[in-house]
Protein backbone atom coordinates (compact mmCIF):
# COMPACT_ATOMS: atom_id res chain seq x y z
CA MET A 1 0.00 0.11 -0.48
CA ALA A 2 1.32 3.47 -0.38
CA GLU A 3 2.01 5.66 2.16
CA LEU A 4 0.85 9.42 1.51
CA ALA A 5 2.88 12.36 2.07
CA THR A 6 2.09 16.28 1.72
CA VAL A 7 4.48 18.38 -0.21
CA SER A 8 5.21 21.86 1.42
CA THR A 9 5.44 25.28 0.53
CA LYS A 10 9.20 25.10 -0.09
CA GLY A 11 9.00 21.93 -2.02
CA GLN A 12 9.69 19.53 0.55
CA PHE A 13 8.00 16.01 2.25
CA VAL A 14 8.73 12.96 4.87
CA ILE A 15 10.10 9.98 4.20
CA PRO A 16 7.83 7.79 5.68
CA ALA A 17 10.18 6.62 8.72
CA GLU A 18 9.42 2.31 7.89
CA ILE A 19 10.88 3.39 3.93
CA ARG A 20 13.87 5.20 5.73
CA GLU A 21 14.92 2.04 7.76
CA ALA A 22 14.08 0.07 5.41
CA LEU A 23 16.51 1.69 2.63
CA GLY A 24 18.77 2.89 5.60
CA ILE A 25 18.50 6.37 5.31
CA ARG A 26 19.76 8.27 7.93
CA PRO A 27 20.46 12.40 8.09
CA GLY A 28 22.81 13.35 5.43
CA THR A 29 22.34 10.59 2.97
CA ARG A 30 22.20 11.75 -0.52
CA ILE A 31 19.10 10.99 -2.49
CA ALA A 32 19.40 10.66 -6.32
CA VAL A 33 15.61 12.07 -7.86
CA LEU A 34 14.79 10.42 -11.15
CA ARG A 35 11.85 11.51 -13.25
CA GLU A 36 10.52 8.35 -15.43
CA GLY A 37 7.53 9.98 -17.49
CA ASN A 38 5.37 11.03 -14.49
CA ARG A 39 6.56 8.72 -11.82
CA ILE A 40 9.40 10.45 -9.28
CA ILE A 41 12.05 7.53 -8.58
CA LEU A 42 13.86 8.52 -4.72
CA GLU A 43 16.89 5.91 -4.66
CA PRO A 44 19.00 6.68 -1.90
CA VAL A 45 22.69 6.90 -2.99
CA ASN A 46 24.78 3.90 -1.00
CA LYS A 47 27.16 1.75 -2.31
CA GLU A 48 24.89 -0.20 -3.91
CA TYR A 49 23.52 2.68 -6.32
CA VAL A 50 27.25 3.34 -7.24
CA ARG A 51 28.62 -0.16 -7.97
CA ALA A 52 25.00 -0.11 -10.41
CA LEU A 53 26.68 3.27 -12.07
CA ARG A 54 29.83 1.95 -12.78
CA GLY A 55 30.65 0.75 -15.82
CA SER A 56 27.39 2.59 -17.05
CA THR A 57 28.89 5.23 -19.20
CA ALA A 58 31.30 2.94 -21.32
CA GLY A 59 31.80 2.41 -24.60
CA GLY A 60 30.77 5.87 -24.94
CA PRO A 61 33.66 8.42 -26.68
CA SER A 62 36.57 9.06 -24.43
CA MET A 63 36.40 13.22 -23.62
CA THR A 64 40.16 12.10 -22.05
CA ASP A 65 40.84 10.35 -25.68
CA ALA A 66 39.64 13.65 -27.75
CA LEU A 67 41.42 16.10 -25.46
CA LEU A 68 44.43 14.57 -25.96
CA LYS A 69 43.84 14.02 -29.95
CA GLU A 70 43.55 17.60 -30.29
CA ARG A 71 46.30 18.46 -28.54
CA ARG A 72 48.13 16.37 -31.13
CA GLU A 73 46.69 18.00 -33.67
CA GLU A 74 47.69 21.38 -32.49
CA ASP A 75 51.65 20.41 -31.70
CA ARG A 76 51.29 19.56 -35.20
CA ARG A 77 50.19 22.51 -36.58
CA SER A 78 52.06 24.83 -34.40
CA LYS A 79 55.43 22.98 -35.37
CA TRP A 80 54.86 23.84 -39.13
């Protein structure tokens, strides 16, 4: 069954104690806020969350490689 919370004028709401305890959410815990369509998903940022992100950007363009390539090209041009 869903728990209900009311949003304050500052956009704040209280996560019910039972849910906080079950997920290990304590004062100072960072929460990732995601939107999927009309749903808001809250995830505590913990070891499992970070582990799940590991490798999620693999296969994409490497900004380091692109920067190094650009610097090498600049060096070649400046030597002529």
